[in-house]
Protein backbone atom coordinates (compact mmCIF):
# COMPACT_ATOMS: atom_id res chain seq x y z
CA MET A 1 -0.07 0.01 0.00
CA ALA A 2 1.33 3.59 -1.16
CA PHE A 3 2.13 5.89 1.79
CA SER A 4 -0.57 8.51 0.63
CA GLN A 5 -3.25 5.66 1.14
CA VAL A 6 -1.95 5.07 4.74
CA ILE A 7 -2.23 8.98 5.48
CA GLN A 8 -5.80 9.07 4.06
CA VAL A 9 -6.88 5.93 6.13
CA ALA A 10 -5.37 7.40 9.27
CA ARG A 11 -7.03 10.79 8.63
CA LYS A 12 -10.33 8.92 7.86
CA ALA A 13 -9.98 7.19 11.45
CA THR A 14 -9.12 10.19 13.06
CA THR A 15 -12.26 12.01 11.68
CA GLN A 16 -14.43 9.18 12.90
CA SER A 17 -13.13 8.98 16.08
CA ALA A 18 -13.68 12.86 16.76
CA THR A 19 -17.15 12.52 15.40
CA LEU A 20 -18.00 9.62 17.88
CA ALA A 21 -16.49 11.92 20.82
CA ARG A 22 -18.70 14.69 19.78
CA SER A 23 -21.56 12.27 19.68
CA VAL A 24 -20.97 10.58 23.05
CA ARG A 25 -20.28 14.08 24.60
CA HIS A 26 -23.37 15.47 23.10
CA ALA A 27 -25.52 12.20 24.29
CA ALA A 28 -24.15 12.58 27.67
CA ALA A 29 -24.92 16.22 28.01
CA GLN A 30 -28.59 15.60 26.61
CA SER A 31 -28.71 12.69 29.24
CA THR A 32 -27.47 14.93 32.07
CA SER A 33 -29.96 17.75 31.09
CA VAL A 34 -32.97 15.23 31.13
CA PHE A 35 -31.88 13.87 34.23
CA LEU A 36 -31.41 17.11 36.13
CA ARG A 37 -34.85 18.61 34.49
CA ASP A 38 -36.78 15.40 35.63
CA VAL A 39 -35.24 15.76 39.05
CA GLY A 40 -36.00 19.27 39.41
CA GLN A 41 -39.58 18.71 38.17
CA GLY A 42 -39.91 15.91 40.78
CA LEU A 43 -38.76 17.87 43.59
CA LEU A 44 -41.10 20.95 42.67
CA GLU A 45 -43.78 18.47 42.55
CA VAL A 46 -42.93 17.03 45.95
CA SER A 47 -42.40 20.54 47.65
CA HIS A 48 -45.94 21.55 45.94
CA ASN A 49 -47.32 18.72 47.45
CA THR A 50 -45.59 19.03 50.57
CA LEU A 51 -46.55 22.88 51.13
CA ALA A 52 -50.31 21.93 50.14
CA LEU A 53 -50.42 19.26 52.85
CA ILE A 54 -48.75 21.70 55.39
CA GLY A 55 -51.31 24.09 54.52
CA LEU A 56 -54.23 21.69 54.59
CA VAL A 57 -53.03 20.61 58.21
CA LEU A 58 -52.78 24.24 59.23
CA ALA A 59 -56.02 25.04 57.99
CA ALA A 60 -57.53 22.16 59.87
CA VAL A 61 -55.87 23.23 62.92
CA LEU A 62 -57.03 26.68 62.73
CA LEU A 63 -60.68 25.45 61.77
CA PHE A 64 -60.36 23.34 65.03
CA ALA A 65 -58.91 25.89 67.29
CA ALA A 66 -61.67 28.28 66.00
CA GLY A 67 -64.49 25.94 67.42
CA HIS A 68 -62.59 26.02 71.01
CA ALA A 69 -62.30 29.19 72.75
CA ASP A 70 -60.03 27.94 75.27
CA LEU A 71 -57.47 26.74 72.85
CA ARG A 72 -57.59 29.83 71.00
CA HIS A 73 -56.94 31.89 74.10
CA GLU A 74 -54.15 29.55 74.81
CA ALA A 75 -52.40 29.95 71.51
CA GLU A 76 -53.05 33.96 71.72
CA ALA A 77 -51.24 33.86 75.16
CA TRP A 78 -48.21 31.67 73.72
CA THR A 79 -47.83 33.93 70.66
CA LEU A 80 -47.91 37.02 72.74
CA GLY A 81 -45.38 35.65 75.40
CA TRP A 82 -43.05 34.20 72.47
CA LEU A 83 -43.15 38.09 70.83
CA GLN A 84 -42.61 39.49 74.25
CA ALA A 85 -39.56 37.24 74.91
CA ARG A 86 -38.16 38.19 71.63
CA HIS A 87 -38.59 41.85 72.11
CA GLU A 88 -36.90 41.64 75.44
CA ALA A 89 -33.97 39.61 74.14
CA ARG A 90 -33.45 42.58 71.80
CA ALA A 91 -33.65 45.32 74.36
CA GLU A 92 -30.61 47.24 75.90
CA PRO A 93 -29.48 45.48 79.03
CA ALA A 94 -30.46 48.65 80.95
CA ASP A 95 -33.85 48.59 79.64
CA ALA A 96 -34.23 45.06 80.52
CA LEU A 97 -33.04 45.61 84.21
CA ALA A 98 -35.42 48.58 84.60
CA ALA A 99 -38.25 46.72 83.47
CA GLU A 100 -37.34 43.53 85.67
CA LEU A 101 -37.05 46.11 88.76
CA SER A 102 -40.14 47.92 88.13
CA GLU A 103 -42.71 48.21 90.58
CA PRO A 104 -45.63 50.41 89.70
CA ASP A 105 -47.35 49.90 93.18
CA ALA A 106 -43.98 50.63 95.37
CA ILE A 107 -45.59 54.39 95.84
CA ALA A 108 -48.13 52.63 98.22
CA ARG A 109 -45.31 51.93 100.85
CA ALA A 110 -43.80 55.58 100.80
CA THR A 111 -44.47 57.50 103.96
CA ALA A 112 -45.15 60.81 102.32
CA SER A 113 -47.67 63.41 101.60
CA ASP A 114 -47.92 66.72 99.50
CA PRO A 115 -47.23 69.57 101.59
CA LYS A 116 -50.07 71.58 99.63
CA GLU A 117 -52.76 69.19 101.17
CA LEU A 118 -51.83 70.38 104.56
CA SER A 119 -53.65 72.87 106.64
CA ARG A 120 -51.82 76.26 107.21
CA GLN A 121 -50.87 75.33 110.62
CA GLN A 122 -49.72 71.98 109.65
CA ALA A 123 -47.72 73.38 106.58
CA ALA A 124 -46.03 75.97 108.63
CA VAL A 125 -45.09 73.28 111.22
CA ALA A 126 -43.96 70.83 108.46
CA GLN A 127 -41.66 73.39 106.82
CA TRP A 128 -40.13 74.47 109.93
CA LEU A 129 -39.31 70.94 111.08
CA SER A 130 -38.00 70.05 107.47
CA HIS A 131 -35.33 72.78 107.55
CA ARG A 132 -34.55 72.33 111.36
CA TYR A 133 -33.80 68.61 111.03
CA ARG A 134 -32.93 68.60 107.24
CA VAL A 135 -35.61 66.17 106.07
CA ALA A 136 -37.55 65.91 103.25
CA PRO A 137 -40.80 68.02 103.44
CA GLU A 138 -43.03 65.13 101.94
CA PRO A 139 -42.59 62.51 104.70
CA VAL A 140 -42.45 65.14 107.48
CA SER A 141 -45.78 66.39 106.16
CA ARG A 142 -47.37 62.89 106.18
CA LEU A 143 -46.07 62.63 109.90
CA VAL A 144 -47.64 66.17 110.90
CA GLN A 145 -51.01 65.01 109.36
CA GLU A 146 -50.65 61.97 111.36
CA ALA A 147 -49.90 63.68 114.62
CA TRP A 148 -52.87 65.71 114.31
CA SER A 149 -54.92 63.05 113.49
CA VAL A 150 -53.84 60.81 116.01
CA GLY A 151 -53.54 63.47 118.68
CA GLN A 152 -57.13 64.50 118.42
CA LYS A 153 -58.57 60.75 118.92
CA ALA A 154 -55.74 60.48 122.01
CA GLY A 155 -56.80 64.06 123.40
CA LEU A 156 -52.84 64.85 122.83
CA ASP A 157 -51.49 68.14 121.54
CA PRO A 158 -49.88 67.24 118.12
CA THR A 159 -46.89 69.44 118.65
CA LEU A 160 -46.16 67.53 121.80
CA ILE A 161 -46.02 64.25 119.54
CA LEU A 162 -43.93 65.94 117.02
CA ALA A 163 -41.66 67.48 119.84
CA ILE A 164 -41.03 63.83 121.38
CA MET A 165 -40.04 62.54 117.82
CA ALA A 166 -37.66 65.50 117.38
CA ILE A 167 -35.90 65.09 120.59
CA GLU A 168 -36.12 61.01 120.44
CA SER A 169 -34.80 60.56 116.84
CA SER A 170 -34.55 63.76 115.10
CA PHE A 171 -37.24 62.10 112.74
CA ASN A 172 -34.88 59.21 111.85
CA PRO A 173 -37.38 56.25 111.64
CA PHE A 174 -34.58 53.47 111.62
CA ALA A 175 -33.21 55.12 114.84
CA GLN A 176 -31.98 52.64 117.81
CA SER A 177 -30.87 53.37 121.23
CA ALA A 178 -28.21 51.39 123.26
CA VAL A 179 -31.22 49.63 125.07
CA GLY A 180 -33.27 48.82 122.29
CA ALA A 181 -35.74 51.76 121.90
CA GLN A 182 -36.66 51.93 118.28
CA GLY A 183 -38.10 54.28 115.66
CA LEU A 184 -39.25 57.73 115.62
CA MET A 185 -40.53 57.68 119.07
CA GLN A 186 -38.03 55.54 120.46
CA VAL A 187 -40.57 52.61 121.78
CA MET A 188 -39.00 49.67 123.67
CA THR A 189 -40.22 47.35 120.94
CA LYS A 190 -39.87 44.14 122.61
CA VAL A 191 -41.42 45.45 125.99
CA HIS A 192 -44.41 46.73 123.99
CA ASN A 193 -44.69 43.74 121.48
CA ASP A 194 -48.59 43.35 122.33
CA LYS A 195 -49.20 47.01 120.79
CA TYR A 196 -47.43 46.03 117.49
CA GLU A 197 -49.45 42.92 117.22
CA ALA A 198 -52.36 45.20 115.65
CA PHE A 199 -49.74 45.93 113.17
CA GLY A 200 -48.71 42.86 112.03
CA GLY A 201 -45.70 42.17 114.24
CA ASN A 202 -42.55 44.03 115.73
CA HIS A 203 -40.99 44.88 112.39
CA ALA A 204 -43.69 47.57 112.15
CA ALA A 205 -41.53 49.31 114.48
CA PHE A 206 -39.70 50.79 111.65
CA ASP A 207 -42.84 51.94 109.94
CA PRO A 208 -43.02 55.27 110.94
CA VAL A 209 -46.68 55.91 111.17
CA THR A 210 -47.21 52.58 112.94
CA ASN A 211 -44.29 53.81 115.69
CA LEU A 212 -45.96 57.07 115.92
CA ARG A 213 -49.30 55.43 116.87
CA VAL A 214 -47.69 52.89 119.29
CA GLY A 215 -45.42 55.67 120.81
CA VAL A 216 -48.85 57.72 121.32
CA GLN A 217 -50.25 55.06 123.31
CA VAL A 218 -47.13 54.62 125.71
CA LEU A 219 -47.21 58.30 126.12
CA LYS A 220 -50.58 58.18 127.20
CA GLU A 221 -50.12 55.46 129.61
CA CYS A 222 -47.03 57.20 131.03
CA ILE A 223 -49.20 60.70 131.50
CA ALA A 224 -52.15 58.69 133.02
CA ARG A 225 -49.63 56.89 135.44
CA ALA A 226 -47.96 59.98 136.50
CA GLY A 227 -50.91 62.35 136.73
CA ASN A 228 -49.46 65.36 134.57
CA LEU A 229 -47.62 65.68 131.52
CA GLU A 230 -43.95 66.67 132.92
CA ASP A 231 -44.05 63.69 135.28
CA GLY A 232 -45.36 61.68 132.36
CA LEU A 233 -42.45 62.52 130.11
CA ARG A 234 -40.20 61.52 132.84
CA TYR A 235 -41.80 58.18 132.99
CA TYR A 236 -41.64 57.86 128.94
CA VAL A 237 -37.86 58.73 129.07
CA GLY A 238 -37.40 55.93 131.81
CA ALA A 239 -36.67 58.65 134.72
CA GLY A 240 -40.03 58.31 136.72
CA ASN A 241 -38.63 57.14 139.92
CA GLN A 242 -35.41 59.31 139.54
CA ALA A 243 -34.69 63.06 140.97
CA GLU A 244 -33.65 64.09 137.71
CA ASP A 245 -34.73 63.16 134.15
CA GLY A 246 -31.13 64.69 132.35
CA GLY A 247 -33.24 67.40 131.11
CA TYR A 248 -35.32 65.39 128.62
CA ALA A 249 -38.77 66.97 129.65
CA ALA A 250 -37.56 70.71 129.61
CA LYS A 251 -36.10 69.90 126.03
CA VAL A 252 -39.33 68.10 124.98
CA LEU A 253 -41.48 70.83 126.37
CA SER A 254 -39.07 73.64 124.63
CA GLU A 255 -39.48 72.13 121.13
CA GLN A 256 -43.05 71.89 121.82
CA ASN A 257 -43.33 75.39 122.58
CA ALA A 258 -41.50 76.29 119.57
CA LEU A 259 -43.69 74.26 117.49
CA ARG A 260 -46.74 76.26 118.78
CA LEU A 261 -45.33 79.60 118.15
CA VAL A 262 -44.72 78.18 114.49
CA ALA A 263 -48.22 76.96 114.21
CA SER A 264 -49.64 80.09 115.42
CA GLY A 265 -47.73 82.14 112.52
CA LYS A 266 -44.82 83.56 114.59
CA ALA A 267 -41.59 83.49 113.01
CA VAL A 268 -39.31 80.97 115.00
CA PRO A 269 -35.52 80.73 114.20
CA GLN A 270 -34.83 77.11 113.09
CA ARG A 271 -31.85 76.91 115.28
CA ALA A 272 -33.53 78.45 118.24
CA VAL A 273 -33.55 76.84 121.93
CA LEU A 274 -36.56 78.55 123.60
CA ASN A 275 -37.01 78.74 127.12
CA VAL A 276 -39.61 76.51 128.57
CA ALA A 277 -42.80 77.46 130.83
CA PRO A 278 -41.76 78.49 134.12
CA ALA A 279 -43.17 75.53 136.03
CA VAL A 280 -40.40 73.07 134.54
CA PRO A 281 -37.17 73.65 136.08
CA LYS A 282 -34.07 74.47 134.21
CA VAL A 283 -31.86 71.50 133.79
CA ASP A 284 -29.33 70.44 131.62
CA ALA A 285 -31.04 69.62 128.39
CA THR A 286 -27.65 68.65 126.35
CA PRO A 287 -27.87 65.32 124.26
CA ALA A 288 -25.31 63.97 127.05
CA ALA A 289 -27.27 64.85 129.64
CA ILE A 290 -30.60 63.23 128.32
CA SER A 291 -28.48 60.04 127.52
CA LEU A 292 -27.97 59.56 131.19
CA ALA A 293 -31.74 58.64 131.54
CA GLU A 294 -31.65 56.29 128.66
CA PRO A 295 -30.52 52.91 130.46
CA LEU A 296 -33.60 53.60 132.77
CA ARG A 297 -36.07 53.69 129.90
CA ALA A 298 -36.39 49.59 129.41
CA ALA A 299 -37.08 49.09 133.17
CA GLN A 300 -39.49 51.94 133.58
CA GLN A 301 -41.39 50.99 130.64
CA VAL A 302 -41.61 47.10 131.85
CA ALA A 303 -42.72 48.49 135.44
CA MET A 304 -45.53 50.41 133.70
CA LEU A 305 -46.93 47.16 132.15
CA ARG A 306 -46.89 45.41 135.68
């Protein structure tokens, strides 16, 4: 065979091989395309059927829940709770803490009144005490109102009640003495625990209004036992059987005298120390002297209960 014929045969074989390869590739591409198209259509049909099935299930659930009010309310509550939880999760930490600590009803525990709600006398006394003892006017206003109300019921001058609170605790509702006298009027809580039963227990001693009411009861008992105000004050501080009360009665009456003047509209210096009535002897009224009678308070109040 001539060399030229060999070349022609080789070219023809190469051409046939190339044609066959193209045919194979084309067939493979068509097969792959058909396969992918069939798979896609199958998945689309399945998804359509699945969505349709889910829709039918949801519709059935909704129809069922619509006929049962309790289920509907429960679902609504769950949805609302979920939405609220999502909202709180996105909130700022400070806002979340503020929301968790909020207590809108806390104002009910506050011992406070608007000074504008007081009478002219009460407002004058509350303002004077607020400046003299450096306490907020709102809680002092509430105590002034209570002193007027309780004083009328007990037959005591409200300025006397306020004067005792001023001398005993300087309007500190958490004050406590060395012998256990507590609160605004420094009542021996353990001695007079029966009086606190009507207020829920001994811890009520630190409620300003409760301490005032119990203190007034103790004061009335002291005055009744002593027979007069001055000696009643001596019993109150625990010096009923002593020759001296450390100046306690004198200082209380001096403070009361100032409050009476303020209530009457007189201008009284806030740091003034006034003279008491002539019937009261002049004794040392310094805090150091008053403290001398304090250890006797517990024994004196215990004796009153016998």
